[in-house]
Amino acid sequence: MALPHFNEVDEGVAVDSLVTNRVWTAMGMDPATTLHDIRWGEEYDGDFVWVMEISGAVPASHNGGYAHSWSMRQPPMYFPLGGGTLSGVSRPGEIVWSRVFIEDGSLHVDLGRGSAVALPSEETRRRLEATTPQWPIMHAVLHGVGRDQLMARHKANHLNVVYAPDPQTADRGLLAKAAMFASLGLTVHLCGDVRV
């Protein structure tokens, strides 16, 4: 059963999360998904690695479990009344990213593949200190979508991510999501390197 939590009002994310939950559950995978801010990124060891953070919480499974997660007080600048995070560093693995949005009065979705990657702890700390160190972070490489392409195309500073156990299953999950979105009447855009 899904345990939704509220983080930010963001057009389209509820539809996206529901479709992800239904498809991943039907495929026997962990449907835990989260919305991430696309904060910034730069080259690291030959790849453009995005800093993705969210102002609050990620599923503990994204960090490798509760043993690899922690809570910190939210920064007063953003949350003057307090509150805590469920933070951590997202574990390496295959991801599917997506974004539902409205364009010309109709629903669209961008879907793509990527990998959450591990960076050395010093680099992780540097990236956290350059953004918001209390928040959970994912180091992400988007397959076949460069920095300028994403910035020119993407409709918000957020995207939805979900893990899959291996590249082949991630590809199948992406295509199942695309089929479900299409059957619901959304215009589907496959972004970057997607195996069809």
C-alpha atoms as a PDB file:
ATOM      1  CA  MET A   1       0.000   0.000   0.000  1.00  0.00           C
ATOM      2  CA  ALA A   2       1.290   3.448  -0.891  1.00  0.00           C
ATOM      3  CA  LEU A   3       2.047   5.900   1.890  1.00  0.00           C
ATOM      4  CA  PRO A   4       1.852   9.322   0.252  1.00  0.00           C
ATOM      5  CA  HIS A   5       3.447  12.287   1.933  1.00  0.00           C
ATOM      6  CA  PHE A   6       3.106  15.949   1.113  1.00  0.00           C
ATOM      7  CA  ASN A   7       6.164  17.892   0.123  1.00  0.00           C
ATOM      8  CA  GLU A   8       5.430  20.607  -2.397  1.00  0.00           C
ATOM      9  CA  VAL A   9       2.554  21.566  -4.613  1.00  0.00           C
ATOM     10  CA  ASP A  10       3.746  20.635  -8.073  1.00  0.00           C
ATOM     11  CA  GLU A  11       1.505  20.321 -11.101  1.00  0.00           C
ATOM     12  CA  GLY A  12       1.247  16.752 -12.361  1.00  0.00           C
ATOM     13  CA  VAL A  13       3.309  14.934  -9.747  1.00  0.00           C
ATOM     14  CA  ALA A  14       0.348  13.140  -8.140  1.00  0.00           C
ATOM     15  CA  VAL A  15      -0.705  11.604 -11.467  1.00  0.00           C
ATOM     16  CA  ASP A  16       2.903  10.625 -12.138  1.00  0.00           C
ATOM     17  CA  SER A  17       3.340   9.035  -8.706  1.00  0.00           C
ATOM     18  CA  LEU A  18       0.071   7.112  -8.975  1.00  0.00           C
ATOM     19  CA  VAL A  19       0.970   5.692 -12.402  1.00  0.00           C
ATOM     20  CA  THR A  20       4.443   4.759 -11.124  1.00  0.00           C
ATOM     21  CA  ASN A  21       2.927   3.050  -8.097  1.00  0.00           C
ATOM     22  CA  ARG A  22       0.498   1.004 -10.181  1.00  0.00           C
ATOM     23  CA  VAL A  23       3.053  -0.034 -12.818  1.00  0.00           C
ATOM     24  CA  TRP A  24       5.932  -0.816 -10.420  1.00  0.00           C
ATOM     25  CA  THR A  25       3.638  -2.762  -8.076  1.00  0.00           C
ATOM     26  CA  ALA A  26       2.236  -4.788 -10.986  1.00  0.00           C
ATOM     27  CA  MET A  27       5.808  -5.573 -12.071  1.00  0.00           C
ATOM     28  CA  GLY A  28       6.762  -6.710  -8.548  1.00  0.00           C
ATOM     29  CA  MET A  29       9.136  -3.804  -7.901  1.00  0.00           C
ATOM     30  CA  ASP A  30       9.452  -1.346  -5.025  1.00  0.00           C
ATOM     31  CA  PRO A  31       7.169   1.535  -6.093  1.00  0.00           C
ATOM     32  CA  ALA A  32       8.798   4.087  -3.762  1.00  0.00           C
ATOM     33  CA  THR A  33       9.137   7.300  -5.724  1.00  0.00           C
ATOM     34  CA  THR A  34      10.101  10.843  -4.923  1.00  0.00           C
ATOM     35  CA  LEU A  35      10.092  14.263  -6.468  1.00  0.00           C
ATOM     36  CA  HIS A  36      13.530  15.870  -6.728  1.00  0.00           C
ATOM     37  CA  ASP A  37      14.610  19.441  -7.376  1.00  0.00           C
ATOM     38  CA  ILE A  38      17.042  19.671 -10.270  1.00  0.00           C
ATOM     39  CA  ARG A  39      19.469  21.940  -8.423  1.00  0.00           C
ATOM     40  CA  TRP A  40      22.580  22.061 -10.606  1.00  0.00           C
ATOM     41  CA  GLY A  41      25.273  19.788 -11.956  1.00  0.00           C
ATOM     42  CA  GLU A  42      28.742  19.565 -13.407  1.00  0.00           C
ATOM     43  CA  GLU A  43      31.184  17.152 -14.955  1.00  0.00           C
ATOM     44  CA  TYR A  44      32.627  14.483 -12.711  1.00  0.00           C
ATOM     45  CA  ASP A  45      34.911  11.737 -14.023  1.00  0.00           C
ATOM     46  CA  GLY A  46      33.658  12.166 -17.589  1.00  0.00           C
ATOM     47  CA  ASP A  47      29.898  12.333 -16.854  1.00  0.00           C
ATOM     48  CA  PHE A  48      27.609  15.288 -16.250  1.00  0.00           C
ATOM     49  CA  VAL A  49      26.290  14.512 -12.755  1.00  0.00           C
ATOM     50  CA  TRP A  50      23.209  16.376 -11.566  1.00  0.00           C
ATOM     51  CA  VAL A  51      22.662  17.435  -7.967  1.00  0.00           C
ATOM     52  CA  MET A  52      19.079  16.477  -7.185  1.00  0.00           C
ATOM     53  CA  GLU A  53      17.654  17.320  -3.780  1.00  0.00           C
ATOM     54  CA  ILE A  54      14.237  17.606  -2.265  1.00  0.00           C
ATOM     55  CA  SER A  55      13.163  19.843   0.577  1.00  0.00           C
ATOM     56  CA  GLY A  56      12.081  17.230   3.047  1.00  0.00           C
ATOM     57  CA  ALA A  57      12.129  13.512   2.609  1.00  0.00           C
ATOM     58  CA  VAL A  58      12.854  10.613   0.319  1.00  0.00           C
ATOM     59  CA  PRO A  59      11.777   7.013   0.834  1.00  0.00           C
ATOM     60  CA  ALA A  60      14.358   5.293   3.041  1.00  0.00           C
ATOM     61  CA  SER A  61      14.743   2.622   0.359  1.00  0.00           C
ATOM     62  CA  HIS A  62      16.252   5.259  -1.944  1.00  0.00           C
ATOM     63  CA  ASN A  63      19.095   5.627   0.559  1.00  0.00           C
ATOM     64  CA  GLY A  64      19.540   1.888   1.043  1.00  0.00           C
ATOM     65  CA  GLY A  65      17.285   1.715   4.123  1.00  0.00           C
ATOM     66  CA  TYR A  66      16.802   3.497   7.423  1.00  0.00           C
ATOM     67  CA  ALA A  67      20.336   2.585   8.538  1.00  0.00           C
ATOM     68  CA  HIS A  68      21.580   4.931   5.780  1.00  0.00           C
ATOM     69  CA  SER A  69      19.057   7.705   6.455  1.00  0.00           C
ATOM     70  CA  TRP A  70      18.893  10.487   9.020  1.00  0.00           C
ATOM     71  CA  SER A  71      16.783  13.464  10.021  1.00  0.00           C
ATOM     72  CA  MET A  72      17.934  17.061  10.341  1.00  0.00           C
ATOM     73  CA  ARG A  73      16.076  20.228  11.267  1.00  0.00           C
ATOM     74  CA  GLN A  74      14.757  21.995   8.199  1.00  0.00           C
ATOM     75  CA  PRO A  75      16.583  25.252   7.389  1.00  0.00           C
ATOM     76  CA  PRO A  76      14.701  28.184   9.013  1.00  0.00           C
ATOM     77  CA  MET A  77      15.048  30.211   5.806  1.00  0.00           C
ATOM     78  CA  TYR A  78      12.674  27.774   4.076  1.00  0.00           C
ATOM     79  CA  PHE A  79      10.758  26.396   7.064  1.00  0.00           C
ATOM     80  CA  PRO A  80      10.622  28.967   9.877  1.00  0.00           C
ATOM     81  CA  LEU A  81       8.328  26.748  11.966  1.00  0.00           C
ATOM     82  CA  GLY A  82      10.774  23.841  11.957  1.00  0.00           C
ATOM     83  CA  GLY A  83      10.227  20.247  11.003  1.00  0.00           C
ATOM     84  CA  GLY A  84      12.664  17.546  10.069  1.00  0.00           C
ATOM     85  CA  THR A  85      13.920  15.790   6.972  1.00  0.00           C
ATOM     86  CA  LEU A  86      14.343  12.141   6.039  1.00  0.00           C
ATOM     87  CA  SER A  87      17.692  12.631   4.444  1.00  0.00           C
ATOM     88  CA  GLY A  88      20.517  10.594   3.010  1.00  0.00           C
ATOM     89  CA  VAL A  89      22.494   9.960  -0.144  1.00  0.00           C
ATOM     90  CA  SER A  90      20.578   8.046  -2.791  1.00  0.00           C
ATOM     91  CA  ARG A  91      22.100   4.653  -3.455  1.00  0.00           C
ATOM     92  CA  PRO A  92      23.612   3.867  -6.851  1.00  0.00           C
ATOM     93  CA  GLY A  93      21.218   2.202  -9.250  1.00  0.00           C
ATOM     94  CA  GLU A  94      19.060   2.382 -12.340  1.00  0.00           C
ATOM     95  CA  ILE A  95      16.288   4.983 -12.358  1.00  0.00           C
ATOM     96  CA  VAL A  96      13.383   6.051 -14.493  1.00  0.00           C
ATOM     97  CA  TRP A  97      12.631   9.760 -14.401  1.00  0.00           C
ATOM     98  CA  SER A  98       9.447  11.443 -15.499  1.00  0.00           C
ATOM     99  CA  ARG A  99       7.508  14.659 -15.494  1.00  0.00           C
ATOM    100  CA  VAL A 100       3.791  15.231 -16.186  1.00  0.00           C
ATOM    101  CA  PHE A 101       2.973  18.744 -17.374  1.00  0.00           C
ATOM    102  CA  ILE A 102       0.326  20.781 -19.161  1.00  0.00           C
ATOM    103  CA  GLU A 103       1.084  22.200 -22.603  1.00  0.00           C
ATOM    104  CA  ASP A 104      -1.450  23.926 -24.849  1.00  0.00           C
ATOM    105  CA  GLY A 105      -4.289  22.767 -22.613  1.00  0.00           C
ATOM    106  CA  SER A 106      -3.436  19.050 -22.648  1.00  0.00           C
ATOM    107  CA  LEU A 107      -1.443  16.659 -20.483  1.00  0.00           C
ATOM    108  CA  HIS A 108       2.015  15.554 -21.584  1.00  0.00           C
ATOM    109  CA  VAL A 109       4.721  13.467 -19.954  1.00  0.00           C
ATOM    110  CA  ASP A 110       8.472  13.344 -20.458  1.00  0.00           C
ATOM    111  CA  LEU A 111      10.046   9.970 -19.641  1.00  0.00           C
ATOM    112  CA  GLY A 112      13.705   9.031 -19.574  1.00  0.00           C
ATOM    113  CA  ARG A 113      16.301   6.729 -18.096  1.00  0.00           C
ATOM    114  CA  GLY A 114      19.175   7.474 -15.832  1.00  0.00           C
ATOM    115  CA  SER A 115      21.493   6.191 -13.163  1.00  0.00           C
ATOM    116  CA  ALA A 116      22.003   7.303  -9.610  1.00  0.00           C
ATOM    117  CA  VAL A 117      25.753   7.161  -9.113  1.00  0.00           C
ATOM    118  CA  ALA A 118      28.075   7.062  -6.109  1.00  0.00           C
ATOM    119  CA  LEU A 119      30.519   9.901  -5.635  1.00  0.00           C
ATOM    120  CA  PRO A 120      33.282  10.099  -3.022  1.00  0.00           C
ATOM    121  CA  SER A 121      32.100  11.405   0.344  1.00  0.00           C
ATOM    122  CA  GLU A 122      34.188  14.582  -0.052  1.00  0.00           C
ATOM    123  CA  GLU A 123      32.471  15.375  -3.364  1.00  0.00           C
ATOM    124  CA  THR A 124      29.052  14.612  -1.893  1.00  0.00           C
ATOM    125  CA  ARG A 125      29.781  16.970   1.022  1.00  0.00           C
ATOM    126  CA  ARG A 126      30.983  19.698  -1.376  1.00  0.00           C
ATOM    127  CA  ARG A 127      27.805  19.411  -3.422  1.00  0.00           C
ATOM    128  CA  LEU A 128      25.595  19.436  -0.324  1.00  0.00           C
ATOM    129  CA  GLU A 129      27.362  22.496   1.098  1.00  0.00           C
ATOM    130  CA  ALA A 130      26.876  24.287  -2.245  1.00  0.00           C
ATOM    131  CA  THR A 131      23.117  23.720  -2.019  1.00  0.00           C
ATOM    132  CA  THR A 132      21.189  22.682   1.109  1.00  0.00           C
ATOM    133  CA  PRO A 133      23.102  20.192   3.285  1.00  0.00           C
ATOM    134  CA  GLN A 134      20.064  19.134   5.327  1.00  0.00           C
ATOM    135  CA  TRP A 135      18.214  17.741   2.325  1.00  0.00           C
ATOM    136  CA  PRO A 136      18.467  14.295   0.727  1.00  0.00           C
ATOM    137  CA  ILE A 137      20.661  14.196  -2.348  1.00  0.00           C
ATOM    138  CA  MET A 138      20.830  12.080  -5.483  1.00  0.00           C
ATOM    139  CA  HIS A 139      23.814  12.163  -7.829  1.00  0.00           C
ATOM    140  CA  ALA A 140      22.141  11.454 -11.176  1.00  0.00           C
ATOM    141  CA  VAL A 141      23.326  10.903 -14.721  1.00  0.00           C
ATOM    142  CA  LEU A 142      20.519  11.182 -17.271  1.00  0.00           C
ATOM    143  CA  HIS A 143      21.014   8.844 -20.217  1.00  0.00           C
ATOM    144  CA  GLY A 144      21.286  10.742 -23.479  1.00  0.00           C
ATOM    145  CA  VAL A 145      20.028  14.054 -22.094  1.00  0.00           C
ATOM    146  CA  GLY A 146      22.636  16.739 -21.591  1.00  0.00           C
ATOM    147  CA  ARG A 147      22.503  19.801 -19.397  1.00  0.00           C
ATOM    148  CA  ASP A 148      21.465  22.218 -22.115  1.00  0.00           C
ATOM    149  CA  GLN A 149      18.862  19.828 -23.525  1.00  0.00           C
ATOM    150  CA  LEU A 150      17.216  19.373 -20.133  1.00  0.00           C
ATOM    151  CA  MET A 151      17.238  23.088 -19.372  1.00  0.00           C
ATOM    152  CA  ALA A 152      15.746  23.923 -22.771  1.00  0.00           C
ATOM    153  CA  ARG A 153      13.020  21.278 -22.558  1.00  0.00           C
ATOM    154  CA  HIS A 154      12.081  20.703 -18.928  1.00  0.00           C
ATOM    155  CA  LYS A 155       8.948  22.460 -17.677  1.00  0.00           C
ATOM    156  CA  ALA A 156       9.900  22.833 -14.006  1.00  0.00           C
ATOM    157  CA  ASN A 157      12.738  22.502 -11.547  1.00  0.00           C
ATOM    158  CA  HIS A 158      11.418  19.083 -10.479  1.00  0.00           C
ATOM    159  CA  LEU A 159      11.335  15.557 -11.785  1.00  0.00           C
ATOM    160  CA  ASN A 160      10.018  12.285 -10.399  1.00  0.00           C
ATOM    161  CA  VAL A 161      12.383   9.324  -9.915  1.00  0.00           C
ATOM    162  CA  VAL A 162      11.896   5.625  -9.188  1.00  0.00           C
ATOM    163  CA  TYR A 163      14.438   2.807  -8.962  1.00  0.00           C
ATOM    164  CA  ALA A 164      14.523  -0.462 -10.905  1.00  0.00           C
ATOM    165  CA  PRO A 165      16.736  -3.451 -10.081  1.00  0.00           C
ATOM    166  CA  ASP A 166      18.663  -3.543 -13.383  1.00  0.00           C
ATOM    167  CA  PRO A 167      18.853  -1.746 -16.747  1.00  0.00           C
ATOM    168  CA  GLN A 168      16.610  -4.182 -18.617  1.00  0.00           C
ATOM    169  CA  THR A 169      13.862  -3.998 -15.996  1.00  0.00           C
ATOM    170  CA  ALA A 170      14.145  -0.212 -15.912  1.00  0.00           C
ATOM    171  CA  ASP A 171      13.680  -0.123 -19.691  1.00  0.00           C
ATOM    172  CA  ARG A 172      10.598  -2.376 -19.452  1.00  0.00           C
ATOM    173  CA  GLY A 173       9.200  -0.281 -16.602  1.00  0.00           C
ATOM    174  CA  LEU A 174       9.661   2.919 -18.583  1.00  0.00           C
ATOM    175  CA  LEU A 175       7.833   1.445 -21.572  1.00  0.00           C
ATOM    176  CA  ALA A 176       5.015   0.161 -19.335  1.00  0.00           C
ATOM    177  CA  LYS A 177       4.664   3.646 -17.849  1.00  0.00           C
ATOM    178  CA  ALA A 178       4.645   5.149 -21.325  1.00  0.00           C
ATOM    179  CA  ALA A 179       1.902   2.726 -22.413  1.00  0.00           C
ATOM    180  CA  MET A 180      -0.201   3.479 -19.351  1.00  0.00           C
ATOM    181  CA  PHE A 181       0.163   7.226 -19.820  1.00  0.00           C
ATOM    182  CA  ALA A 182      -0.741   6.908 -23.502  1.00  0.00           C
ATOM    183  CA  SER A 183      -3.818   4.828 -22.639  1.00  0.00           C
ATOM    184  CA  LEU A 184      -4.880   7.601 -20.238  1.00  0.00           C
ATOM    185  CA  GLY A 185      -4.700  10.109 -23.091  1.00  0.00           C
ATOM    186  CA  LEU A 186      -1.408  11.862 -22.277  1.00  0.00           C
ATOM    187  CA  THR A 187       1.035  12.758 -25.032  1.00  0.00           C
ATOM    188  CA  VAL A 188       4.188  10.772 -24.271  1.00  0.00           C
ATOM    189  CA  HIS A 189       7.683  12.078 -25.021  1.00  0.00           C
ATOM    190  CA  LEU A 190      10.557   9.606 -24.670  1.00  0.00           C
ATOM    191  CA  CYS A 191      13.679  11.606 -23.832  1.00  0.00           C
ATOM    192  CA  GLY A 192      17.290  10.655 -24.410  1.00  0.00           C
ATOM    193  CA  ASP A 193      18.542   7.094 -24.768  1.00  0.00           C
ATOM    194  CA  VAL A 194      15.468   4.877 -24.373  1.00  0.00           C
ATOM    195  CA  ARG A 195      15.421   1.282 -25.613  1.00  0.00           C
ATOM    196  CA  VAL A 196      12.135   0.548 -27.379  1.00  0.00           C
END
